[in-house]
Amino acid sequence: METAARIQTVIRLPEELLLKAKYKARQDNMSFNAYVEHVLEMAVRPVIPKLPKDFKISPSVEALSGIIPAPTKEELEADDRLAYIWNKGL
């Protein structure tokens, strides 16, 4: 996670939740701040389901392969999910 441009904020939490979060942060060898940032990052991340290895692409989607521009090498290296789908035959 990027360390530049941090903004300090204050939130109110139930004491029990705060203690549980601090405990979990210690278990994960993280500071409380890093743990909260990690949990928030996971909460706002878009959910893209993982495809099974035997996933079959439908003919209608495969027909789009001539319309969709090929991703660049950099895009494929930066996104494992895109690389997986692209290498399945799209």
Foldseek 3Di string as FASTA:
>chain_A
DDDPDDDDDDDDDDPVVLVVLCVVCVVVVHHSVVSVVVVVVVVPDDDDDDDDPPDDDDPVVLVCVVVDDDDDPVVCVVDVRVVSVVVVRD
